[in-house]
Amino acid sequence: MAADPIETFARIILQDVTDALARGTKHFTIDGEPLLTVEAVIGAIARDGQIVLEATNDSTSVFEDLSVVEVVKVQTFTFTVDDEVIHWDVGAATEAVTRGEVLARLELPLEYMMHVARNNDYDPAHVAEVDYTQPGIAVEHEHDGQMYHVLIDGTHRCVRALLERKPFYAWILSRAVADRCRVTL
């Protein structure tokens, strides 16, 4: 599934403006002309495809009302099967577990743990640092009429438990809760 170009463009604009503000930029200009509103910045980017950010020492800023600009870092787990790519927000899933929105806490079968170790991306150096006694999070996912559990949080812990020949548990989220945790990137 290809990313929506308008959404991608908006993310780039937001990131550029947010980065500039973090560096202390108070005013924005293009070709020496001041841009006095957020709309002017976005419009200039839309016309020119880029923006030249210029920091000033002026203590006043027409962008002080940008307190609504918030950079949110979301940890996601990406699952690909056939041509379907699904992203889950791990933070939202963790919050659901905290609220008790789980079906069960299950011990993952050895075969599944081996599957995770073979197929998921992980940093071998980080495996030694994790506490495998902390359960992971898995979601229910249906594909071709079959229901599967997909481990979206805890890959490193699962691999560590496998290496230590210990059991590994995961909180299982229902499809409804898992669907609420899905995100579009």
C-alpha atoms as a PDB file:
ATOM      1  CA  MET A   1       0.000   0.000   0.000  1.00  0.00           C
ATOM      2  CA  ALA A   2       1.621   3.256  -1.159  1.00  0.00           C
ATOM      3  CA  ALA A   3       1.743   6.245   1.162  1.00  0.00           C
ATOM      4  CA  ASP A   4      -0.709   9.050   0.441  1.00  0.00           C
ATOM      5  CA  PRO A   5       1.392  11.828  -1.197  1.00  0.00           C
ATOM      6  CA  ILE A   6      -0.610  14.615   0.464  1.00  0.00           C
ATOM      7  CA  GLU A   7      -0.183  13.028   3.899  1.00  0.00           C
ATOM      8  CA  THR A   8       3.532  12.514   3.234  1.00  0.00           C
ATOM      9  CA  PHE A   9       3.886  16.138   2.103  1.00  0.00           C
ATOM     10  CA  ALA A  10       2.075  17.378   5.233  1.00  0.00           C
ATOM     11  CA  ARG A  11       4.373  15.290   7.478  1.00  0.00           C
ATOM     12  CA  ILE A  12       7.442  16.736   5.757  1.00  0.00           C
ATOM     13  CA  ILE A  13       6.150  20.284   6.208  1.00  0.00           C
ATOM     14  CA  LEU A  14       5.336  19.693   9.865  1.00  0.00           C
ATOM     15  CA  GLN A  15       8.743  18.103  10.473  1.00  0.00           C
ATOM     16  CA  ASP A  16      10.626  20.928   8.703  1.00  0.00           C
ATOM     17  CA  VAL A  17       8.802  23.649  10.640  1.00  0.00           C
ATOM     18  CA  THR A  18       9.103  21.735  13.933  1.00  0.00           C
ATOM     19  CA  ASP A  19      12.841  21.163  13.407  1.00  0.00           C
ATOM     20  CA  ALA A  20      13.352  24.834  12.626  1.00  0.00           C
ATOM     21  CA  LEU A  21      11.459  25.924  15.732  1.00  0.00           C
ATOM     22  CA  ALA A  22      13.514  23.517  17.857  1.00  0.00           C
ATOM     23  CA  ARG A  23      16.665  25.165  16.479  1.00  0.00           C
ATOM     24  CA  GLY A  24      15.364  28.554  17.600  1.00  0.00           C
ATOM     25  CA  THR A  25      14.035  29.844  14.302  1.00  0.00           C
ATOM     26  CA  LYS A  26      11.661  32.749  14.909  1.00  0.00           C
ATOM     27  CA  HIS A  27      10.894  33.841  11.344  1.00  0.00           C
ATOM     28  CA  PHE A  28      10.747  32.119   7.995  1.00  0.00           C
ATOM     29  CA  THR A  29      11.641  33.639   4.650  1.00  0.00           C
ATOM     30  CA  ILE A  30      11.692  32.490   1.060  1.00  0.00           C
ATOM     31  CA  ASP A  31      13.841  34.465  -1.352  1.00  0.00           C
ATOM     32  CA  GLY A  32      14.196  37.123   1.348  1.00  0.00           C
ATOM     33  CA  GLU A  33      10.448  37.644   1.662  1.00  0.00           C
ATOM     34  CA  PRO A  34       9.072  37.128   5.190  1.00  0.00           C
ATOM     35  CA  LEU A  35       6.375  34.517   5.718  1.00  0.00           C
ATOM     36  CA  LEU A  36       4.172  35.774   8.523  1.00  0.00           C
ATOM     37  CA  THR A  37       1.745  32.898   9.022  1.00  0.00           C
ATOM     38  CA  VAL A  38       1.841  29.125   9.114  1.00  0.00           C
ATOM     39  CA  GLU A  39      -0.397  29.160   6.046  1.00  0.00           C
ATOM     40  CA  ALA A  40       2.175  31.306   4.219  1.00  0.00           C
ATOM     41  CA  VAL A  41       4.939  28.817   5.087  1.00  0.00           C
ATOM     42  CA  ILE A  42       2.852  25.892   3.864  1.00  0.00           C
ATOM     43  CA  GLY A  43       1.830  27.789   0.736  1.00  0.00           C
ATOM     44  CA  ALA A  44       5.454  28.683  -0.028  1.00  0.00           C
ATOM     45  CA  ILE A  45       6.525  25.080   0.370  1.00  0.00           C
ATOM     46  CA  ALA A  46       3.658  23.954  -1.838  1.00  0.00           C
ATOM     47  CA  ARG A  47       4.726  26.418  -4.558  1.00  0.00           C
ATOM     48  CA  ASP A  48       8.496  25.991  -4.366  1.00  0.00           C
ATOM     49  CA  GLY A  49       8.801  22.437  -3.054  1.00  0.00           C
ATOM     50  CA  GLN A  50      11.298  23.525  -0.423  1.00  0.00           C
ATOM     51  CA  ILE A  51      11.799  26.170   2.199  1.00  0.00           C
ATOM     52  CA  VAL A  52      14.882  28.072   3.248  1.00  0.00           C
ATOM     53  CA  LEU A  53      14.708  28.499   6.995  1.00  0.00           C
ATOM     54  CA  GLU A  54      16.484  31.467   8.440  1.00  0.00           C
ATOM     55  CA  ALA A  55      16.959  31.906  12.174  1.00  0.00           C
ATOM     56  CA  THR A  56      16.917  35.394  13.666  1.00  0.00           C
ATOM     57  CA  ASN A  57      17.771  36.718  17.116  1.00  0.00           C
ATOM     58  CA  ASP A  58      14.507  38.638  17.286  1.00  0.00           C
ATOM     59  CA  SER A  59      12.739  37.655  20.494  1.00  0.00           C
ATOM     60  CA  THR A  60       9.275  38.129  19.001  1.00  0.00           C
ATOM     61  CA  SER A  61       7.800  35.549  16.735  1.00  0.00           C
ATOM     62  CA  VAL A  62       4.649  35.317  14.703  1.00  0.00           C
ATOM     63  CA  PHE A  63       4.933  31.569  15.247  1.00  0.00           C
ATOM     64  CA  GLU A  64       4.617  31.614  19.029  1.00  0.00           C
ATOM     65  CA  ASP A  65       1.072  30.333  18.609  1.00  0.00           C
ATOM     66  CA  LEU A  66       2.505  27.088  17.223  1.00  0.00           C
ATOM     67  CA  SER A  67       2.119  25.445  20.613  1.00  0.00           C
ATOM     68  CA  VAL A  68      -0.298  23.181  18.756  1.00  0.00           C
ATOM     69  CA  VAL A  69       2.658  21.750  16.841  1.00  0.00           C
ATOM     70  CA  GLU A  70       3.606  18.621  18.685  1.00  0.00           C
ATOM     71  CA  VAL A  71       6.164  16.075  17.628  1.00  0.00           C
ATOM     72  CA  VAL A  72       4.897  12.623  18.475  1.00  0.00           C
ATOM     73  CA  LYS A  73       7.176   9.638  18.201  1.00  0.00           C
ATOM     74  CA  VAL A  74       5.238   6.436  17.738  1.00  0.00           C
ATOM     75  CA  GLN A  75       6.823   2.999  18.049  1.00  0.00           C
ATOM     76  CA  THR A  76       5.180   0.730  15.536  1.00  0.00           C
ATOM     77  CA  PHE A  77       5.372  -2.916  14.622  1.00  0.00           C
ATOM     78  CA  THR A  78       5.031  -3.645  10.914  1.00  0.00           C
ATOM     79  CA  PHE A  79       3.642  -6.955   9.720  1.00  0.00           C
ATOM     80  CA  THR A  80       3.655  -8.004   6.085  1.00  0.00           C
ATOM     81  CA  VAL A  81       1.788 -10.986   4.700  1.00  0.00           C
ATOM     82  CA  ASP A  82       1.322 -11.432   0.974  1.00  0.00           C
ATOM     83  CA  ASP A  83       0.750  -7.867  -0.285  1.00  0.00           C
ATOM     84  CA  GLU A  84      -0.798  -6.613   2.953  1.00  0.00           C
ATOM     85  CA  VAL A  85       1.274  -4.326   5.191  1.00  0.00           C
ATOM     86  CA  ILE A  86      -0.122  -3.581   8.652  1.00  0.00           C
ATOM     87  CA  HIS A  87       1.298  -1.217  11.270  1.00  0.00           C
ATOM     88  CA  TRP A  88       0.358  -1.364  14.954  1.00  0.00           C
ATOM     89  CA  ASP A  89       1.059   1.408  17.472  1.00  0.00           C
ATOM     90  CA  VAL A  90       2.934  -0.376  20.267  1.00  0.00           C
ATOM     91  CA  GLY A  91       2.288   2.490  22.706  1.00  0.00           C
ATOM     92  CA  ALA A  92      -1.467   2.231  22.167  1.00  0.00           C
ATOM     93  CA  ALA A  93      -1.254  -1.541  22.612  1.00  0.00           C
ATOM     94  CA  THR A  94       0.704  -1.089  25.857  1.00  0.00           C
ATOM     95  CA  GLU A  95      -1.954   1.325  27.116  1.00  0.00           C
ATOM     96  CA  ALA A  96      -4.662  -1.224  26.274  1.00  0.00           C
ATOM     97  CA  VAL A  97      -2.803  -3.846  28.334  1.00  0.00           C
ATOM     98  CA  THR A  98      -2.496  -1.366  31.213  1.00  0.00           C
ATOM     99  CA  ARG A  99      -6.268  -0.814  31.072  1.00  0.00           C
ATOM    100  CA  GLY A 100      -6.812  -4.594  31.207  1.00  0.00           C
ATOM    101  CA  GLU A 101      -8.176  -4.838  27.651  1.00  0.00           C
ATOM    102  CA  VAL A 102      -6.688  -8.276  27.070  1.00  0.00           C
ATOM    103  CA  LEU A 103      -8.143 -11.650  26.206  1.00  0.00           C
ATOM    104  CA  ALA A 104      -5.517 -13.651  28.056  1.00  0.00           C
ATOM    105  CA  ARG A 105      -1.886 -14.040  29.025  1.00  0.00           C
ATOM    106  CA  LEU A 106      -0.574 -17.005  27.069  1.00  0.00           C
ATOM    107  CA  GLU A 107       2.676 -18.916  26.974  1.00  0.00           C
ATOM    108  CA  LEU A 108       3.960 -18.764  23.410  1.00  0.00           C
ATOM    109  CA  PRO A 109       4.625 -22.175  21.876  1.00  0.00           C
ATOM    110  CA  LEU A 110       8.265 -23.037  21.226  1.00  0.00           C
ATOM    111  CA  GLU A 111       7.574 -23.235  17.472  1.00  0.00           C
ATOM    112  CA  TYR A 112       6.199 -19.693  17.480  1.00  0.00           C
ATOM    113  CA  MET A 113       9.164 -18.399  19.477  1.00  0.00           C
ATOM    114  CA  MET A 114      11.465 -19.963  16.868  1.00  0.00           C
ATOM    115  CA  HIS A 115       9.391 -18.329  14.120  1.00  0.00           C
ATOM    116  CA  VAL A 116       9.823 -14.929  15.809  1.00  0.00           C
ATOM    117  CA  ALA A 117      13.595 -15.463  16.089  1.00  0.00           C
ATOM    118  CA  ARG A 118      13.831 -16.426  12.405  1.00  0.00           C
ATOM    119  CA  ASN A 119      11.507 -13.797  10.934  1.00  0.00           C
ATOM    120  CA  ASN A 120      11.420 -10.671  13.117  1.00  0.00           C
ATOM    121  CA  ASP A 121      14.094  -7.989  13.029  1.00  0.00           C
ATOM    122  CA  TYR A 122      16.063  -7.616  16.244  1.00  0.00           C
ATOM    123  CA  ASP A 123      19.419  -6.413  17.524  1.00  0.00           C
ATOM    124  CA  PRO A 124      21.400  -9.386  18.902  1.00  0.00           C
ATOM    125  CA  ALA A 125      23.359  -7.080  21.226  1.00  0.00           C
ATOM    126  CA  HIS A 126      20.110  -5.821  22.781  1.00  0.00           C
ATOM    127  CA  VAL A 127      18.819  -9.348  23.432  1.00  0.00           C
ATOM    128  CA  ALA A 128      21.251  -9.782  26.357  1.00  0.00           C
ATOM    129  CA  GLU A 129      19.931  -6.583  27.998  1.00  0.00           C
ATOM    130  CA  VAL A 130      16.213  -7.396  28.149  1.00  0.00           C
ATOM    131  CA  ASP A 131      14.098  -9.009  30.864  1.00  0.00           C
ATOM    132  CA  TYR A 132      12.308 -11.928  29.250  1.00  0.00           C
ATOM    133  CA  THR A 133      10.068 -12.326  32.306  1.00  0.00           C
ATOM    134  CA  GLN A 134       8.125  -9.240  31.175  1.00  0.00           C
ATOM    135  CA  PRO A 135       5.330 -10.423  28.847  1.00  0.00           C
ATOM    136  CA  GLY A 136       5.116  -9.275  25.276  1.00  0.00           C
ATOM    137  CA  ILE A 137       1.994  -8.140  23.447  1.00  0.00           C
ATOM    138  CA  ALA A 138       0.344 -10.075  20.641  1.00  0.00           C
ATOM    139  CA  VAL A 139      -2.682  -9.235  18.533  1.00  0.00           C
ATOM    140  CA  GLU A 140      -5.217 -11.458  16.885  1.00  0.00           C
ATOM    141  CA  HIS A 141      -5.033 -11.224  13.115  1.00  0.00           C
ATOM    142  CA  GLU A 142      -7.107 -13.084  10.557  1.00  0.00           C
ATOM    143  CA  HIS A 143      -5.619 -14.037   7.206  1.00  0.00           C
ATOM    144  CA  ASP A 144      -7.151 -16.366   4.629  1.00  0.00           C
ATOM    145  CA  GLY A 145      -9.803 -17.428   7.126  1.00  0.00           C
ATOM    146  CA  GLN A 146      -7.209 -18.417   9.752  1.00  0.00           C
ATOM    147  CA  MET A 147      -6.743 -16.625  13.067  1.00  0.00           C
ATOM    148  CA  TYR A 148      -3.133 -15.906  14.041  1.00  0.00           C
ATOM    149  CA  HIS A 149      -1.379 -14.239  16.939  1.00  0.00           C
ATOM    150  CA  VAL A 150       1.191 -11.666  15.878  1.00  0.00           C
ATOM    151  CA  LEU A 151       3.773 -10.591  18.475  1.00  0.00           C
ATOM    152  CA  ILE A 152       3.928  -6.789  18.119  1.00  0.00           C
ATOM    153  CA  ASP A 153       5.975  -6.073  21.246  1.00  0.00           C
ATOM    154  CA  GLY A 154       8.604  -8.268  22.866  1.00  0.00           C
ATOM    155  CA  THR A 155      10.689  -9.681  20.027  1.00  0.00           C
ATOM    156  CA  HIS A 156      13.963  -9.194  21.929  1.00  0.00           C
ATOM    157  CA  ARG A 157      12.466 -10.698  25.105  1.00  0.00           C
ATOM    158  CA  CYS A 158      11.058 -13.633  23.153  1.00  0.00           C
ATOM    159  CA  VAL A 159      14.446 -14.349  21.552  1.00  0.00           C
ATOM    160  CA  ARG A 160      16.171 -14.094  24.935  1.00  0.00           C
ATOM    161  CA  ALA A 161      13.718 -16.534  26.485  1.00  0.00           C
ATOM    162  CA  LEU A 162      14.291 -18.895  23.572  1.00  0.00           C
ATOM    163  CA  LEU A 163      18.066 -18.700  24.018  1.00  0.00           C
ATOM    164  CA  GLU A 164      17.710 -19.244  27.774  1.00  0.00           C
ATOM    165  CA  ARG A 165      15.293 -22.148  27.126  1.00  0.00           C
ATOM    166  CA  LYS A 166      12.663 -20.411  29.259  1.00  0.00           C
ATOM    167  CA  PRO A 167       8.968 -19.861  28.614  1.00  0.00           C
ATOM    168  CA  PHE A 168       7.816 -16.541  27.181  1.00  0.00           C
ATOM    169  CA  TYR A 169       4.378 -15.080  27.732  1.00  0.00           C
ATOM    170  CA  ALA A 170       2.401 -12.471  25.849  1.00  0.00           C
ATOM    171  CA  TRP A 171      -0.751 -10.519  26.552  1.00  0.00           C
ATOM    172  CA  ILE A 172      -3.226 -11.236  23.756  1.00  0.00           C
ATOM    173  CA  LEU A 173      -5.312  -8.322  22.472  1.00  0.00           C
ATOM    174  CA  SER A 174      -8.636  -8.970  20.784  1.00  0.00           C
ATOM    175  CA  ARG A 175      -9.151  -8.066  17.125  1.00  0.00           C
ATOM    176  CA  ALA A 176     -11.255  -5.071  18.157  1.00  0.00           C
ATOM    177  CA  VAL A 177      -8.508  -3.686  20.419  1.00  0.00           C
ATOM    178  CA  ALA A 178      -5.834  -4.556  17.839  1.00  0.00           C
ATOM    179  CA  ASP A 179      -7.811  -2.679  15.184  1.00  0.00           C
ATOM    180  CA  ARG A 180      -7.863   0.406  17.429  1.00  0.00           C
ATOM    181  CA  CYS A 181      -4.060   0.144  17.644  1.00  0.00           C
ATOM    182  CA  ARG A 182      -3.584   0.010  13.863  1.00  0.00           C
ATOM    183  CA  VAL A 183      -2.002   3.067  12.275  1.00  0.00           C
ATOM    184  CA  THR A 184      -1.450   4.266   8.749  1.00  0.00           C
ATOM    185  CA  LEU A 185       2.062   5.416   7.901  1.00  0.00           C
END
